[in-house]
Amino acid sequence: MTLSGNQKRKMRSAARLYAVQALFQMEHSGQTVEAVVREFEDHRFGAVYEGDEMAEGDVDTFRQLMNDAVNHQAQIDQMTDRALVAKWPIGRIDPTLRGLFRAAGAEFLAKKTPPKVVIVEFVDVARAFFPESKEPQFVNAVLDHMAREARPEAFEG
């Protein structure tokens, strides 16, 4: 089966959402990245919960985000700290947002996707977790700062 560009894009979007959930779960459960990735791939991707079918995520995108977020967590967290309002370290923010910033930071560092696309995608993820709140605007501002630090060349000219 050949996937259309739109289907591939939706699968990458789903993978980003799953990565945020998986990073949140890792932080709360103490599970290894391998265990969480396996659980998500086996039980979340394309699963049906209470009649709602979960989106099929792009496995390669999901694995890349998870591994990069874990392997580069210190660097990503420092980048996030610099983007956050002074005196508000990453340890004090909502754990879902922490997972979101780590997944987005991993994607910025991978340098495969244009930073503006990463920002739009993760602001959409923030909207999914925080409907009717100011978090998406906050996420947009923090990610813009992180993107300019991680990928300054993308903002020149």
N, C-alpha and C. Protein backbone atom coordinates (compact mmCIF):
# COMPACT_ATOMS: atom_id res chain seq x y z
N MET A 1 0.84 -1.18 0.00
CA MET A 1 0.00 0.00 0.00
C MET A 1 0.89 1.24 0.00
N THR A 2 0.66 2.13 -0.92
CA THR A 2 1.41 3.37 -0.99
C THR A 2 0.65 4.46 -0.25
N LEU A 3 1.36 5.17 0.60
CA LEU A 3 0.72 6.23 1.37
C LEU A 3 0.84 7.55 0.64
N SER A 4 -0.20 8.35 0.73
CA SER A 4 -0.15 9.68 0.15
C SER A 4 0.69 10.58 1.06
N GLY A 5 1.09 11.72 0.54
CA GLY A 5 1.84 12.68 1.35
C GLY A 5 1.05 13.11 2.57
N ASN A 6 -0.27 13.26 2.41
CA ASN A 6 -1.13 13.68 3.51
C ASN A 6 -1.18 12.60 4.59
N GLN A 7 -1.26 11.32 4.18
CA GLN A 7 -1.28 10.22 5.16
C GLN A 7 0.04 10.17 5.93
N LYS A 8 1.15 10.34 5.22
CA LYS A 8 2.46 10.32 5.88
C LYS A 8 2.58 11.47 6.87
N ARG A 9 2.08 12.64 6.48
CA ARG A 9 2.13 13.80 7.37
C ARG A 9 1.31 13.55 8.63
N LYS A 10 0.11 12.97 8.46
CA LYS A 10 -0.74 12.65 9.62
C LYS A 10 -0.06 11.62 10.53
N MET A 11 0.63 10.67 9.94
CA MET A 11 1.32 9.65 10.74
C MET A 11 2.49 10.27 11.52
N ARG A 12 3.20 11.23 10.91
CA ARG A 12 4.28 11.92 11.63
C ARG A 12 3.69 12.77 12.76
N SER A 13 2.56 13.41 12.49
CA SER A 13 1.88 14.21 13.53
C SER A 13 1.48 13.32 14.70
N ALA A 14 0.92 12.15 14.40
CA ALA A 14 0.53 11.21 15.45
C ALA A 14 1.75 10.75 16.23
N ALA A 15 2.86 10.51 15.54
CA ALA A 15 4.10 10.08 16.21
C ALA A 15 4.58 11.14 17.20
N ARG A 16 4.43 12.41 16.85
CA ARG A 16 4.83 13.49 17.76
C ARG A 16 3.97 13.49 19.02
N LEU A 17 2.68 13.31 18.84
CA LEU A 17 1.77 13.25 19.98
C LEU A 17 2.12 12.06 20.87
N TYR A 18 2.35 10.91 20.27
CA TYR A 18 2.72 9.72 21.04
C TYR A 18 4.04 9.92 21.77
N ALA A 19 4.99 10.60 21.14
CA ALA A 19 6.28 10.83 21.78
C ALA A 19 6.11 11.66 23.05
N VAL A 20 5.26 12.68 23.00
CA VAL A 20 5.00 13.50 24.19
C VAL A 20 4.38 12.63 25.28
N GLN A 21 3.40 11.80 24.92
CA GLN A 21 2.77 10.91 25.90
C GLN A 21 3.79 9.92 26.48
N ALA A 22 4.63 9.38 25.61
CA ALA A 22 5.61 8.37 26.05
C ALA A 22 6.67 8.99 26.96
N LEU A 23 7.12 10.20 26.64
CA LEU A 23 8.11 10.88 27.50
C LEU A 23 7.50 11.19 28.86
N PHE A 24 6.23 11.60 28.87
CA PHE A 24 5.51 11.83 30.12
C PHE A 24 5.45 10.52 30.93
N GLN A 25 5.09 9.43 30.25
CA GLN A 25 4.97 8.13 30.92
C GLN A 25 6.32 7.68 31.48
N MET A 26 7.39 7.88 30.72
CA MET A 26 8.73 7.50 31.19
C MET A 26 9.06 8.23 32.48
N GLU A 27 8.78 9.52 32.50
CA GLU A 27 9.11 10.33 33.68
C GLU A 27 8.34 9.86 34.91
N HIS A 28 7.07 9.49 34.71
CA HIS A 28 6.23 9.09 35.85
C HIS A 28 6.40 7.65 36.28
N SER A 29 6.81 6.78 35.36
CA SER A 29 6.88 5.36 35.69
C SER A 29 8.30 4.89 35.96
N GLY A 30 9.27 5.66 35.48
CA GLY A 30 10.66 5.22 35.62
C GLY A 30 11.04 4.13 34.64
N GLN A 31 10.16 3.85 33.66
CA GLN A 31 10.46 2.81 32.65
C GLN A 31 11.58 3.29 31.73
N THR A 32 12.26 2.35 31.11
CA THR A 32 13.30 2.68 30.14
C THR A 32 12.66 3.12 28.84
N VAL A 33 13.44 3.81 28.03
CA VAL A 33 12.93 4.25 26.72
C VAL A 33 12.54 3.03 25.88
N GLU A 34 13.32 1.96 25.96
CA GLU A 34 13.01 0.76 25.18
C GLU A 34 11.66 0.17 25.57
N ALA A 35 11.39 0.11 26.88
CA ALA A 35 10.13 -0.46 27.36
C ALA A 35 8.94 0.38 26.93
N VAL A 36 9.07 1.69 27.04
CA VAL A 36 7.97 2.57 26.69
C VAL A 36 7.72 2.55 25.17
N VAL A 37 8.79 2.59 24.39
CA VAL A 37 8.64 2.55 22.92
C VAL A 37 7.93 1.25 22.52
N ARG A 38 8.36 0.14 23.10
CA ARG A 38 7.74 -1.16 22.78
C ARG A 38 6.25 -1.15 23.15
N GLU A 39 5.93 -0.63 24.33
CA GLU A 39 4.53 -0.59 24.77
C GLU A 39 3.68 0.26 23.82
N PHE A 40 4.19 1.41 23.44
CA PHE A 40 3.42 2.28 22.55
C PHE A 40 3.23 1.64 21.19
N GLU A 41 4.28 1.05 20.65
CA GLU A 41 4.17 0.42 19.33
C GLU A 41 3.23 -0.78 19.35
N ASP A 42 3.25 -1.53 20.47
CA ASP A 42 2.41 -2.72 20.56
C ASP A 42 0.96 -2.40 20.90
N HIS A 43 0.74 -1.36 21.72
CA HIS A 43 -0.60 -1.15 22.27
C HIS A 43 -1.28 0.16 21.92
N ARG A 44 -0.56 1.15 21.41
CA ARG A 44 -1.19 2.44 21.13
C ARG A 44 -1.38 2.68 19.64
N PHE A 45 -0.35 2.40 18.86
CA PHE A 45 -0.40 2.71 17.43
C PHE A 45 -1.54 1.96 16.76
N GLY A 46 -2.57 2.70 16.31
CA GLY A 46 -3.68 2.09 15.60
C GLY A 46 -4.65 1.30 16.47
N ALA A 47 -4.49 1.38 17.79
CA ALA A 47 -5.38 0.64 18.69
C ALA A 47 -6.75 1.31 18.74
N VAL A 48 -7.73 0.59 19.24
CA VAL A 48 -9.07 1.14 19.41
C VAL A 48 -9.39 1.16 20.91
N TYR A 49 -9.71 2.37 21.41
CA TYR A 49 -10.08 2.53 22.81
C TYR A 49 -11.49 3.06 22.88
N GLU A 50 -12.37 2.31 23.54
CA GLU A 50 -13.75 2.74 23.74
C GLU A 50 -14.37 3.25 22.43
N GLY A 51 -14.09 2.54 21.35
CA GLY A 51 -14.68 2.87 20.07
C GLY A 51 -13.92 3.93 19.28
N ASP A 52 -12.94 4.60 19.91
CA ASP A 52 -12.14 5.60 19.20
C ASP A 52 -10.86 4.96 18.72
N GLU A 53 -10.66 5.01 17.42
CA GLU A 53 -9.43 4.45 16.87
C GLU A 53 -8.29 5.44 17.04
N MET A 54 -7.18 4.97 17.58
CA MET A 54 -6.00 5.81 17.72
C MET A 54 -5.32 5.90 16.36
N ALA A 55 -4.74 7.03 16.08
CA ALA A 55 -4.06 7.21 14.79
C ALA A 55 -2.88 6.26 14.69
N GLU A 56 -2.60 5.86 13.47
CA GLU A 56 -1.41 5.05 13.23
C GLU A 56 -0.23 6.02 13.16
N GLY A 57 0.72 5.85 14.06
CA GLY A 57 1.87 6.75 14.08
C GLY A 57 2.98 6.25 13.18
N ASP A 58 3.82 7.17 12.75
CA ASP A 58 5.00 6.81 11.97
C ASP A 58 6.05 6.29 12.94
N VAL A 59 6.34 4.99 12.86
CA VAL A 59 7.23 4.33 13.82
C VAL A 59 8.63 4.93 13.78
N ASP A 60 9.16 5.20 12.61
CA ASP A 60 10.51 5.75 12.52
C ASP A 60 10.61 7.12 13.18
N THR A 61 9.62 7.97 12.92
CA THR A 61 9.61 9.30 13.55
C THR A 61 9.52 9.16 15.06
N PHE A 62 8.63 8.30 15.53
CA PHE A 62 8.44 8.09 16.96
C PHE A 62 9.73 7.62 17.63
N ARG A 63 10.36 6.59 17.05
CA ARG A 63 11.60 6.06 17.63
C ARG A 63 12.71 7.10 17.65
N GLN A 64 12.84 7.84 16.54
CA GLN A 64 13.87 8.88 16.44
C GLN A 64 13.66 9.94 17.51
N LEU A 65 12.42 10.42 17.66
CA LEU A 65 12.13 11.43 18.67
C LEU A 65 12.43 10.92 20.07
N MET A 66 12.00 9.71 20.35
CA MET A 66 12.22 9.14 21.69
C MET A 66 13.71 9.00 21.99
N ASN A 67 14.44 8.39 21.06
CA ASN A 67 15.87 8.17 21.30
C ASN A 67 16.63 9.49 21.40
N ASP A 68 16.34 10.43 20.51
CA ASP A 68 17.03 11.72 20.57
C ASP A 68 16.66 12.50 21.82
N ALA A 69 15.39 12.45 22.22
CA ALA A 69 14.96 13.17 23.43
C ALA A 69 15.67 12.62 24.66
N VAL A 70 15.86 11.32 24.72
CA VAL A 70 16.55 10.70 25.86
C VAL A 70 18.06 10.93 25.78
N ASN A 71 18.64 10.71 24.61
CA ASN A 71 20.10 10.82 24.46
C ASN A 71 20.60 12.26 24.58
N HIS A 72 19.76 13.22 24.24
CA HIS A 72 20.17 14.63 24.27
C HIS A 72 19.37 15.43 25.30
N GLN A 73 18.83 14.72 26.31
CA GLN A 73 17.93 15.39 27.26
C GLN A 73 18.60 16.56 27.96
N ALA A 74 19.84 16.43 28.41
CA ALA A 74 20.50 17.52 29.13
C ALA A 74 20.61 18.75 28.24
N GLN A 75 21.04 18.55 27.01
CA GLN A 75 21.18 19.67 26.07
C GLN A 75 19.82 20.31 25.77
N ILE A 76 18.80 19.48 25.56
CA ILE A 76 17.46 19.98 25.26
C ILE A 76 16.90 20.73 26.47
N ASP A 77 17.08 20.17 27.67
CA ASP A 77 16.57 20.83 28.87
C ASP A 77 17.26 22.17 29.10
N GLN A 78 18.55 22.26 28.82
CA GLN A 78 19.26 23.54 28.96
C GLN A 78 18.72 24.55 27.95
N MET A 79 18.48 24.09 26.73
CA MET A 79 17.92 24.96 25.69
C MET A 79 16.52 25.44 26.12
N THR A 80 15.74 24.53 26.68
CA THR A 80 14.39 24.88 27.15
C THR A 80 14.48 25.88 28.29
N ASP A 81 15.36 25.63 29.24
CA ASP A 81 15.54 26.56 30.37
C ASP A 81 15.84 27.97 29.88
N ARG A 82 16.70 28.08 28.88
CA ARG A 82 17.05 29.41 28.35
C ARG A 82 15.86 30.06 27.66
N ALA A 83 14.94 29.24 27.13
CA ALA A 83 13.77 29.77 26.43
C ALA A 83 12.64 30.14 27.40
N LEU A 84 12.65 29.54 28.58
CA LEU A 84 11.59 29.79 29.56
C LEU A 84 11.82 31.13 30.25
N VAL A 85 10.77 31.64 30.82
CA VAL A 85 10.86 32.89 31.57
C VAL A 85 11.88 32.70 32.70
N ALA A 86 12.64 33.73 32.97
CA ALA A 86 13.66 33.68 34.03
C ALA A 86 13.07 33.14 35.32
N LYS A 87 13.84 32.39 36.04
CA LYS A 87 13.47 31.81 37.33
C LYS A 87 12.34 30.78 37.23
N TRP A 88 12.15 30.24 36.06
CA TRP A 88 11.11 29.21 35.90
C TRP A 88 11.73 28.01 35.22
N PRO A 89 12.53 27.22 35.96
CA PRO A 89 13.25 26.10 35.35
C PRO A 89 12.31 25.01 34.85
N ILE A 90 12.82 24.24 33.92
CA ILE A 90 12.02 23.18 33.29
C ILE A 90 11.43 22.22 34.32
N GLY A 91 12.12 22.02 35.44
CA GLY A 91 11.61 21.12 36.47
C GLY A 91 10.32 21.59 37.10
N ARG A 92 10.00 22.87 36.98
CA ARG A 92 8.79 23.42 37.61
C ARG A 92 7.59 23.48 36.67
N ILE A 93 7.78 23.18 35.39
CA ILE A 93 6.64 23.27 34.48
C ILE A 93 5.87 21.95 34.42
N ASP A 94 4.69 22.01 33.85
CA ASP A 94 3.82 20.85 33.71
C ASP A 94 4.59 19.71 33.02
N PRO A 95 4.50 18.49 33.57
CA PRO A 95 5.25 17.37 32.97
C PRO A 95 4.88 17.06 31.52
N THR A 96 3.64 17.35 31.13
CA THR A 96 3.26 17.16 29.73
C THR A 96 4.03 18.14 28.85
N LEU A 97 4.13 19.39 29.31
CA LEU A 97 4.89 20.39 28.55
C LEU A 97 6.37 20.02 28.52
N ARG A 98 6.87 19.46 29.60
CA ARG A 98 8.28 19.04 29.63
C ARG A 98 8.51 17.99 28.54
N GLY A 99 7.61 17.02 28.44
CA GLY A 99 7.71 16.00 27.38
C GLY A 99 7.62 16.63 26.01
N LEU A 100 6.72 17.59 25.86
CA LEU A 100 6.56 18.27 24.57
C LEU A 100 7.84 19.00 24.19
N PHE A 101 8.42 19.75 25.12
CA PHE A 101 9.64 20.50 24.81
C PHE A 101 10.80 19.55 24.50
N ARG A 102 10.84 18.41 25.18
CA ARG A 102 11.92 17.44 24.91
C ARG A 102 11.75 16.82 23.53
N ALA A 103 10.53 16.45 23.16
CA ALA A 103 10.29 15.87 21.83
C ALA A 103 10.58 16.90 20.74
N ALA A 104 10.11 18.13 20.92
CA ALA A 104 10.35 19.18 19.92
C ALA A 104 11.84 19.50 19.84
N GLY A 105 12.50 19.57 20.99
CA GLY A 105 13.94 19.83 21.01
C GLY A 105 14.71 18.76 20.26
N ALA A 106 14.27 17.51 20.42
CA ALA A 106 14.91 16.40 19.70
C ALA A 106 14.75 16.60 18.20
N GLU A 107 13.58 17.05 17.78
CA GLU A 107 13.35 17.24 16.35
C GLU A 107 14.14 18.43 15.81
N PHE A 108 14.28 19.48 16.61
CA PHE A 108 15.12 20.61 16.19
C PHE A 108 16.56 20.14 15.99
N LEU A 109 17.06 19.36 16.92
CA LEU A 109 18.47 18.91 16.86
C LEU A 109 18.70 17.94 15.70
N ALA A 110 17.68 17.17 15.32
CA ALA A 110 17.83 16.22 14.22
C ALA A 110 18.02 16.94 12.88
N LYS A 111 17.53 18.15 12.78
CA LYS A 111 17.72 19.02 11.61
C LYS A 111 17.18 18.44 10.31
N LYS A 112 16.13 17.62 10.41
CA LYS A 112 15.52 17.05 9.20
C LYS A 112 14.29 17.84 8.77
N THR A 113 13.55 18.37 9.73
CA THR A 113 12.30 19.06 9.46
C THR A 113 12.51 20.56 9.65
N PRO A 114 11.98 21.39 8.76
CA PRO A 114 12.12 22.84 8.95
C PRO A 114 11.58 23.26 10.32
N PRO A 115 12.32 24.12 11.03
CA PRO A 115 11.90 24.51 12.38
C PRO A 115 10.47 25.06 12.46
N LYS A 116 10.05 25.80 11.46
CA LYS A 116 8.70 26.37 11.51
C LYS A 116 7.65 25.26 11.45
N VAL A 117 7.94 24.18 10.74
CA VAL A 117 7.02 23.03 10.69
C VAL A 117 6.97 22.36 12.06
N VAL A 118 8.13 22.19 12.69
CA VAL A 118 8.19 21.58 14.02
C VAL A 118 7.36 22.41 15.01
N ILE A 119 7.52 23.73 14.95
CA ILE A 119 6.78 24.61 15.87
C ILE A 119 5.27 24.44 15.67
N VAL A 120 4.81 24.51 14.42
CA VAL A 120 3.37 24.38 14.14
C VAL A 120 2.86 23.02 14.63
N GLU A 121 3.62 21.97 14.35
CA GLU A 121 3.19 20.62 14.75
C GLU A 121 3.06 20.50 16.28
N PHE A 122 4.05 21.00 17.01
CA PHE A 122 4.00 20.84 18.47
C PHE A 122 3.05 21.82 19.13
N VAL A 123 2.77 22.96 18.51
CA VAL A 123 1.70 23.82 19.02
C VAL A 123 0.36 23.09 18.86
N ASP A 124 0.18 22.36 17.76
CA ASP A 124 -1.02 21.54 17.59
C ASP A 124 -1.11 20.45 18.67
N VAL A 125 0.02 19.86 19.01
CA VAL A 125 0.04 18.85 20.09
C VAL A 125 -0.38 19.53 21.40
N ALA A 126 0.14 20.72 21.65
CA ALA A 126 -0.23 21.45 22.88
C ALA A 126 -1.73 21.71 22.91
N ARG A 127 -2.32 22.06 21.75
CA ARG A 127 -3.77 22.29 21.69
C ARG A 127 -4.54 21.01 22.03
N ALA A 128 -4.00 19.86 21.61
CA ALA A 128 -4.67 18.58 21.90
C ALA A 128 -4.68 18.31 23.41
N PHE A 129 -3.59 18.66 24.10
CA PHE A 129 -3.50 18.41 25.53
C PHE A 129 -4.14 19.53 26.36
N PHE A 130 -4.12 20.75 25.84
CA PHE A 130 -4.59 21.91 26.61
C PHE A 130 -5.59 22.73 25.80
N PRO A 131 -6.75 22.15 25.47
CA PRO A 131 -7.73 22.93 24.71
C PRO A 131 -8.23 24.09 25.57
N GLU A 132 -8.51 25.19 24.93
CA GLU A 132 -9.08 26.36 25.61
C GLU A 132 -8.20 26.86 26.75
N SER A 133 -6.91 26.96 26.50
CA SER A 133 -6.01 27.52 27.51
C SER A 133 -4.95 28.34 26.80
N LYS A 134 -4.08 28.94 27.57
CA LYS A 134 -3.01 29.76 27.00
C LYS A 134 -1.74 28.95 26.70
N GLU A 135 -1.72 27.68 27.06
CA GLU A 135 -0.52 26.88 26.85
C GLU A 135 -0.02 26.87 25.40
N PRO A 136 -0.91 26.74 24.39
CA PRO A 136 -0.38 26.75 23.02
C PRO A 136 0.41 28.01 22.67
N GLN A 137 -0.02 29.18 23.16
CA GLN A 137 0.73 30.42 22.91
C GLN A 137 2.08 30.38 23.61
N PHE A 138 2.08 29.88 24.84
CA PHE A 138 3.31 29.73 25.62
C PHE A 138 4.26 28.78 24.90
N VAL A 139 3.72 27.65 24.45
CA VAL A 139 4.52 26.65 23.72
C VAL A 139 5.11 27.28 22.46
N ASN A 140 4.32 28.04 21.74
CA ASN A 140 4.79 28.68 20.52
C ASN A 140 5.99 29.59 20.82
N ALA A 141 5.89 30.39 21.87
CA ALA A 141 6.96 31.32 22.22
C ALA A 141 8.24 30.57 22.63
N VAL A 142 8.09 29.55 23.45
CA VAL A 142 9.26 28.78 23.92
C VAL A 142 9.90 28.05 22.74
N LEU A 143 9.08 27.41 21.89
CA LEU A 143 9.63 26.67 20.75
C LEU A 143 10.31 27.60 19.75
N ASP A 144 9.77 28.78 19.56
CA ASP A 144 10.40 29.74 18.65
C ASP A 144 11.80 30.08 19.16
N HIS A 145 11.92 30.32 20.45
CA HIS A 145 13.22 30.63 21.05
C HIS A 145 14.17 29.44 20.90
N MET A 146 13.68 28.23 21.19
CA MET A 146 14.51 27.02 21.09
C MET A 146 14.96 26.80 19.65
N ALA A 147 14.05 27.01 18.69
CA ALA A 147 14.38 26.79 17.28
C ALA A 147 15.48 27.76 16.83
N ARG A 148 15.39 29.00 17.26
CA ARG A 148 16.38 30.01 16.87
C ARG A 148 17.76 29.69 17.46
N GLU A 149 17.76 29.06 18.63
CA GLU A 149 19.04 28.64 19.21
C GLU A 149 19.59 27.39 18.51
N ALA A 150 18.72 26.41 18.28
CA ALA A 150 19.15 25.13 17.69
C ALA A 150 19.47 25.25 16.21
N ARG A 151 18.73 26.09 15.49
CA ARG A 151 18.84 26.17 14.04
C ARG A 151 18.88 27.63 13.56
N PRO A 152 19.83 28.44 14.00
CA PRO A 152 19.84 29.87 13.64
C PRO A 152 19.88 30.10 12.13
N GLU A 153 20.49 29.17 11.41
CA GLU A 153 20.61 29.34 9.96
C GLU A 153 19.24 29.35 9.27
N ALA A 154 18.25 28.71 9.88
CA ALA A 154 16.92 28.64 9.28
C ALA A 154 16.18 29.96 9.38
N PHE A 155 16.67 30.87 10.21
CA PHE A 155 15.97 32.15 10.43
C PHE A 155 16.71 33.33 9.82
N GLU A 156 17.81 33.07 9.14
CA GLU A 156 18.58 34.16 8.55
C GLU A 156 17.95 34.59 7.24
N GLY A 157 18.11 35.89 6.94
CA GLY A 157 17.67 36.40 5.65
C GLY A 157 16.27 36.74 5.53
